[in-house]
Amino acid sequence: MHERPSCSDVVDKRSAFKTETVFLLEQAFIANAYPSRAEKECLAARMGMEYKQVNTWTGAF
């Protein structure tokens, strides 16, 4: 019979954004709270992120 992993054994596959990344995203949000898709794609490319990550982050507010 297999044992279920304890909570301490379970690793969250999502990773938190680095402090620098959050700072840059916040600055972009302050400059434009409603960026277009093209602006989000450009921001993602500059930061080495995927569009989906930027889109999710900007949609959280």
PDB file of N, CA and C in Angstrom:
ATOM      1  N   MET A   1       0.839  -1.185   0.000  1.00  0.00           N
ATOM      2  CA  MET A   1       0.000   0.000   0.000  1.00  0.00           C
ATOM      3  C   MET A   1       0.882   1.246   0.000  1.00  0.00           C
ATOM      4  N   HIS A   2       0.514   2.227  -0.797  1.00  0.00           N
ATOM      5  CA  HIS A   2       1.294   3.464  -0.881  1.00  0.00           C
ATOM      6  C   HIS A   2       0.860   4.447   0.195  1.00  0.00           C
ATOM      7  N   GLU A   3       1.846   5.074   0.778  1.00  0.00           N
ATOM      8  CA  GLU A   3       1.550   6.106   1.767  1.00  0.00           C
ATOM      9  C   GLU A   3       1.392   7.441   1.067  1.00  0.00           C
ATOM     10  N   ARG A   4       0.492   8.243   1.564  1.00  0.00           N
ATOM     11  CA  ARG A   4       0.335   9.601   1.025  1.00  0.00           C
ATOM     12  C   ARG A   4       1.476  10.458   1.549  1.00  0.00           C
ATOM     13  N   PRO A   5       2.014  11.334   0.723  1.00  0.00           N
ATOM     14  CA  PRO A   5       3.097  12.199   1.213  1.00  0.00           C
ATOM     15  C   PRO A   5       2.573  13.182   2.247  1.00  0.00           C
ATOM     16  N   SER A   6       3.398  13.486   3.217  1.00  0.00           N
ATOM     17  CA  SER A   6       3.006  14.484   4.202  1.00  0.00           C
ATOM     18  C   SER A   6       3.084  15.863   3.557  1.00  0.00           C
ATOM     19  N   CYS A   7       2.469  16.822   4.183  1.00  0.00           N
ATOM     20  CA  CYS A   7       2.475  18.179   3.630  1.00  0.00           C
ATOM     21  C   CYS A   7       3.887  18.713   3.452  1.00  0.00           C
ATOM     22  N   SER A   8       4.779  18.333   4.326  1.00  0.00           N
ATOM     23  CA  SER A   8       6.158  18.823   4.219  1.00  0.00           C
ATOM     24  C   SER A   8       6.890  18.187   3.046  1.00  0.00           C
ATOM     25  N   ASP A   9       6.389  17.045   2.556  1.00  0.00           N
ATOM     26  CA  ASP A   9       7.019  16.367   1.424  1.00  0.00           C
ATOM     27  C   ASP A   9       6.531  16.892   0.082  1.00  0.00           C
ATOM     28  N   VAL A  10       5.395  17.571   0.081  1.00  0.00           N
ATOM     29  CA  VAL A  10       4.814  18.060  -1.163  1.00  0.00           C
ATOM     30  C   VAL A  10       5.491  19.373  -1.533  1.00  0.00           C
ATOM     31  N   VAL A  11       5.983  19.437  -2.755  1.00  0.00           N
ATOM     32  CA  VAL A  11       6.666  20.638  -3.225  1.00  0.00           C
ATOM     33  C   VAL A  11       5.742  21.365  -4.188  1.00  0.00           C
ATOM     34  N   ASP A  12       5.562  22.654  -3.986  1.00  0.00           N
ATOM     35  CA  ASP A  12       4.751  23.463  -4.885  1.00  0.00           C
ATOM     36  C   ASP A  12       5.531  23.647  -6.172  1.00  0.00           C
ATOM     37  N   LYS A  13       4.972  23.209  -7.293  1.00  0.00           N
ATOM     38  CA  LYS A  13       5.673  23.296  -8.569  1.00  0.00           C
ATOM     39  C   LYS A  13       5.719  24.722  -9.101  1.00  0.00           C
ATOM     40  N   ARG A  14       4.851  25.586  -8.587  1.00  0.00           N
ATOM     41  CA  ARG A  14       4.908  26.986  -9.004  1.00  0.00           C
ATOM     42  C   ARG A  14       6.075  27.649  -8.285  1.00  0.00           C
ATOM     43  N   SER A  15       6.668  28.609  -8.924  1.00  0.00           N
ATOM     44  CA  SER A  15       7.747  29.324  -8.258  1.00  0.00           C
ATOM     45  C   SER A  15       7.353  30.783  -8.125  1.00  0.00           C
ATOM     46  N   ALA A  16       7.723  31.346  -7.026  1.00  0.00           N
ATOM     47  CA  ALA A  16       7.437  32.754  -6.801  1.00  0.00           C
ATOM     48  C   ALA A  16       8.359  33.591  -7.672  1.00  0.00           C
ATOM     49  N   PHE A  17       7.889  34.754  -8.044  1.00  0.00           N
ATOM     50  CA  PHE A  17       8.726  35.652  -8.821  1.00  0.00           C
ATOM     51  C   PHE A  17       9.838  36.192  -7.937  1.00  0.00           C
ATOM     52  N   LYS A  18      10.973  36.452  -8.540  1.00  0.00           N
ATOM     53  CA  LYS A  18      12.086  37.048  -7.816  1.00  0.00           C
ATOM     54  C   LYS A  18      11.700  38.474  -7.417  1.00  0.00           C
ATOM     55  N   THR A  19      12.338  38.972  -6.381  1.00  0.00           N
ATOM     56  CA  THR A  19      12.059  40.320  -5.885  1.00  0.00           C
ATOM     57  C   THR A  19      12.230  41.352  -6.992  1.00  0.00           C
ATOM     58  N   GLU A  20      13.287  41.211  -7.774  1.00  0.00           N
ATOM     59  CA  GLU A  20      13.547  42.156  -8.867  1.00  0.00           C
ATOM     60  C   GLU A  20      12.421  42.105  -9.908  1.00  0.00           C
ATOM     61  N   THR A  21      11.947  40.912 -10.204  1.00  0.00           N
ATOM     62  CA  THR A  21      10.874  40.755 -11.182  1.00  0.00           C
ATOM     63  C   THR A  21       9.606  41.423 -10.691  1.00  0.00           C
ATOM     64  N   VAL A  22       9.273  41.221  -9.431  1.00  0.00           N
ATOM     65  CA  VAL A  22       8.074  41.844  -8.857  1.00  0.00           C
ATOM     66  C   VAL A  22       8.210  43.357  -8.913  1.00  0.00           C
ATOM     67  N   PHE A  23       9.377  43.866  -8.595  1.00  0.00           N
ATOM     68  CA  PHE A  23       9.600  45.314  -8.641  1.00  0.00           C
ATOM     69  C   PHE A  23       9.352  45.857 -10.052  1.00  0.00           C
ATOM     70  N   LEU A  24       9.901  45.178 -11.051  1.00  0.00           N
ATOM     71  CA  LEU A  24       9.720  45.630 -12.433  1.00  0.00           C
ATOM     72  C   LEU A  24       8.256  45.530 -12.870  1.00  0.00           C
ATOM     73  N   LEU A  25       7.582  44.478 -12.473  1.00  0.00           N
ATOM     74  CA  LEU A  25       6.157  44.344 -12.795  1.00  0.00           C
ATOM     75  C   LEU A  25       5.347  45.451 -12.124  1.00  0.00           C
ATOM     76  N   GLU A  26       5.672  45.744 -10.878  1.00  0.00           N
ATOM     77  CA  GLU A  26       4.979  46.818 -10.164  1.00  0.00           C
ATOM     78  C   GLU A  26       5.204  48.167 -10.839  1.00  0.00           C
ATOM     79  N   GLN A  27       6.441  48.429 -11.256  1.00  0.00           N
ATOM     80  CA  GLN A  27       6.736  49.687 -11.936  1.00  0.00           C
ATOM     81  C   GLN A  27       5.958  49.799 -13.248  1.00  0.00           C
ATOM     82  N   ALA A  28       5.886  48.705 -13.979  1.00  0.00           N
ATOM     83  CA  ALA A  28       5.133  48.699 -15.228  1.00  0.00           C
ATOM     84  C   ALA A  28       3.648  48.928 -14.957  1.00  0.00           C
ATOM     85  N   PHE A  29       3.141  48.342 -13.879  1.00  0.00           N
ATOM     86  CA  PHE A  29       1.737  48.498 -13.518  1.00  0.00           C
ATOM     87  C   PHE A  29       1.437  49.931 -13.109  1.00  0.00           C
ATOM     88  N   ILE A  30       2.355  50.564 -12.383  1.00  0.00           N
ATOM     89  CA  ILE A  30       2.175  51.960 -11.984  1.00  0.00           C
ATOM     90  C   ILE A  30       2.129  52.858 -13.214  1.00  0.00           C
ATOM     91  N   ALA A  31       2.996  52.563 -14.171  1.00  0.00           N
ATOM     92  CA  ALA A  31       3.041  53.362 -15.399  1.00  0.00           C
ATOM     93  C   ALA A  31       1.793  53.154 -16.257  1.00  0.00           C
ATOM     94  N   ASN A  32       1.256  51.930 -16.253  1.00  0.00           N
ATOM     95  CA  ASN A  32       0.084  51.625 -17.075  1.00  0.00           C
ATOM     96  C   ASN A  32      -0.636  50.435 -16.461  1.00  0.00           C
ATOM     97  N   ALA A  33      -1.739  50.714 -15.774  1.00  0.00           N
ATOM     98  CA  ALA A  33      -2.489  49.659 -15.092  1.00  0.00           C
ATOM     99  C   ALA A  33      -3.242  48.741 -16.054  1.00  0.00           C
ATOM    100  N   TYR A  34      -3.411  49.176 -17.304  1.00  0.00           N
ATOM    101  CA  TYR A  34      -4.160  48.389 -18.286  1.00  0.00           C
ATOM    102  C   TYR A  34      -3.368  48.237 -19.584  1.00  0.00           C
ATOM    103  N   PRO A  35      -2.252  47.509 -19.527  1.00  0.00           N
ATOM    104  CA  PRO A  35      -1.430  47.359 -20.732  1.00  0.00           C
ATOM    105  C   PRO A  35      -2.140  46.505 -21.790  1.00  0.00           C
ATOM    106  N   SER A  36      -1.845  46.799 -23.026  1.00  0.00           N
ATOM    107  CA  SER A  36      -2.390  46.012 -24.137  1.00  0.00           C
ATOM    108  C   SER A  36      -1.653  44.680 -24.205  1.00  0.00           C
ATOM    109  N   ARG A  37      -2.151  43.780 -25.039  1.00  0.00           N
ATOM    110  CA  ARG A  37      -1.482  42.493 -25.214  1.00  0.00           C
ATOM    111  C   ARG A  37      -0.060  42.709 -25.727  1.00  0.00           C
ATOM    112  N   ALA A  38       0.101  43.634 -26.684  1.00  0.00           N
ATOM    113  CA  ALA A  38       1.431  43.902 -27.245  1.00  0.00           C
ATOM    114  C   ALA A  38       2.385  44.402 -26.159  1.00  0.00           C
ATOM    115  N   GLU A  39       1.898  45.259 -25.277  1.00  0.00           N
ATOM    116  CA  GLU A  39       2.735  45.774 -24.188  1.00  0.00           C
ATOM    117  C   GLU A  39       3.110  44.660 -23.214  1.00  0.00           C
ATOM    118  N   LYS A  40       2.166  43.767 -22.941  1.00  0.00           N
ATOM    119  CA  LYS A  40       2.451  42.636 -22.053  1.00  0.00           C
ATOM    120  C   LYS A  40       3.459  41.689 -22.695  1.00  0.00           C
ATOM    121  N   GLU A  41       3.320  41.465 -23.992  1.00  0.00           N
ATOM    122  CA  GLU A  41       4.267  40.598 -24.704  1.00  0.00           C
ATOM    123  C   GLU A  41       5.664  41.205 -24.683  1.00  0.00           C
ATOM    124  N   CYS A  42       5.752  42.502 -24.882  1.00  0.00           N
ATOM    125  CA  CYS A  42       7.044  43.200 -24.863  1.00  0.00           C
ATOM    126  C   CYS A  42       7.661  43.117 -23.462  1.00  0.00           C
ATOM    127  N   LEU A  43       6.862  43.351 -22.448  1.00  0.00           N
ATOM    128  CA  LEU A  43       7.342  43.278 -21.066  1.00  0.00           C
ATOM    129  C   LEU A  43       7.832  41.864 -20.747  1.00  0.00           C
ATOM    130  N   ALA A  44       7.073  40.873 -21.166  1.00  0.00           N
ATOM    131  CA  ALA A  44       7.474  39.480 -20.935  1.00  0.00           C
ATOM    132  C   ALA A  44       8.803  39.178 -21.618  1.00  0.00           C
ATOM    133  N   ALA A  45       8.956  39.624 -22.844  1.00  0.00           N
ATOM    134  CA  ALA A  45      10.198  39.379 -23.586  1.00  0.00           C
ATOM    135  C   ALA A  45      11.388  40.061 -22.911  1.00  0.00           C
ATOM    136  N   ARG A  46      11.211  41.287 -22.455  1.00  0.00           N
ATOM    137  CA  ARG A  46      12.295  42.019 -21.796  1.00  0.00           C
ATOM    138  C   ARG A  46      12.711  41.363 -20.489  1.00  0.00           C
ATOM    139  N   MET A  47      11.747  40.721 -19.810  1.00  0.00           N
ATOM    140  CA  MET A  47      12.015  40.148 -18.496  1.00  0.00           C
ATOM    141  C   MET A  47      12.314  38.650 -18.560  1.00  0.00           C
ATOM    142  N   GLY A  48      12.289  38.071 -19.752  1.00  0.00           N
ATOM    143  CA  GLY A  48      12.548  36.645 -19.877  1.00  0.00           C
ATOM    144  C   GLY A  48      11.423  35.790 -19.327  1.00  0.00           C
ATOM    145  N   MET A  49      10.205  36.312 -19.417  1.00  0.00           N
ATOM    146  CA  MET A  49       9.039  35.602 -18.915  1.00  0.00           C
ATOM    147  C   MET A  49       8.143  35.216 -20.085  1.00  0.00           C
ATOM    148  N   GLU A  50       7.136  34.432 -19.803  1.00  0.00           N
ATOM    149  CA  GLU A  50       6.143  34.107 -20.811  1.00  0.00           C
ATOM    150  C   GLU A  50       5.011  35.133 -20.727  1.00  0.00           C
ATOM    151  N   TYR A  51       4.363  35.364 -21.853  1.00  0.00           N
ATOM    152  CA  TYR A  51       3.224  36.294 -21.881  1.00  0.00           C
ATOM    153  C   TYR A  51       2.194  35.892 -20.831  1.00  0.00           C
ATOM    154  N   LYS A  52       1.934  34.599 -20.717  1.00  0.00           N
ATOM    155  CA  LYS A  52       0.918  34.090 -19.789  1.00  0.00           C
ATOM    156  C   LYS A  52       1.224  34.522 -18.353  1.00  0.00           C
ATOM    157  N   GLN A  53       2.500  34.513 -17.981  1.00  0.00           N
ATOM    158  CA  GLN A  53       2.880  34.909 -16.624  1.00  0.00           C
ATOM    159  C   GLN A  53       2.581  36.385 -16.386  1.00  0.00           C
ATOM    160  N   VAL A  54       2.945  37.220 -17.341  1.00  0.00           N
ATOM    161  CA  VAL A  54       2.700  38.653 -17.208  1.00  0.00           C
ATOM    162  C   VAL A  54       1.195  38.924 -17.212  1.00  0.00           C
ATOM    163  N   ASN A  55       0.485  38.256 -18.093  1.00  0.00           N
ATOM    164  CA  ASN A  55      -0.951  38.452 -18.196  1.00  0.00           C
ATOM    165  C   ASN A  55      -1.648  38.052 -16.894  1.00  0.00           C
ATOM    166  N   THR A  56      -1.226  36.952 -16.319  1.00  0.00           N
ATOM    167  CA  THR A  56      -1.810  36.514 -15.051  1.00  0.00           C
ATOM    168  C   THR A  56      -1.502  37.507 -13.948  1.00  0.00           C
ATOM    169  N   TRP A  57      -0.271  37.971 -13.902  1.00  0.00           N
ATOM    170  CA  TRP A  57       0.121  38.909 -12.851  1.00  0.00           C
ATOM    171  C   TRP A  57      -0.661  40.211 -12.960  1.00  0.00           C
ATOM    172  N   THR A  58      -0.782  40.761 -14.163  1.00  0.00           N
ATOM    173  CA  THR A  58      -1.487  42.031 -14.335  1.00  0.00           C
ATOM    174  C   THR A  58      -2.988  41.865 -14.119  1.00  0.00           C
ATOM    175  N   GLY A  59      -3.515  40.667 -14.345  1.00  0.00           N
ATOM    176  CA  GLY A  59      -4.931  40.424 -14.137  1.00  0.00           C
ATOM    177  C   GLY A  59      -5.304  40.217 -12.679  1.00  0.00           C
ATOM    178  N   ALA A  60      -4.316  40.109 -11.807  1.00  0.00           N
ATOM    179  CA  ALA A  60      -4.570  39.867 -10.396  1.00  0.00           C
ATOM    180  C   ALA A  60      -5.031  41.114  -9.653  1.00  0.00           C
ATOM    181  N   PHE A  61      -4.966  42.259 -10.312  1.00  0.00           N
ATOM    182  CA  PHE A  61      -5.325  43.497  -9.614  1.00  0.00           C
ATOM    183  C   PHE A  61      -6.617  44.048 -10.082  1.00  0.00           C
TER     184      PHE A  61
END
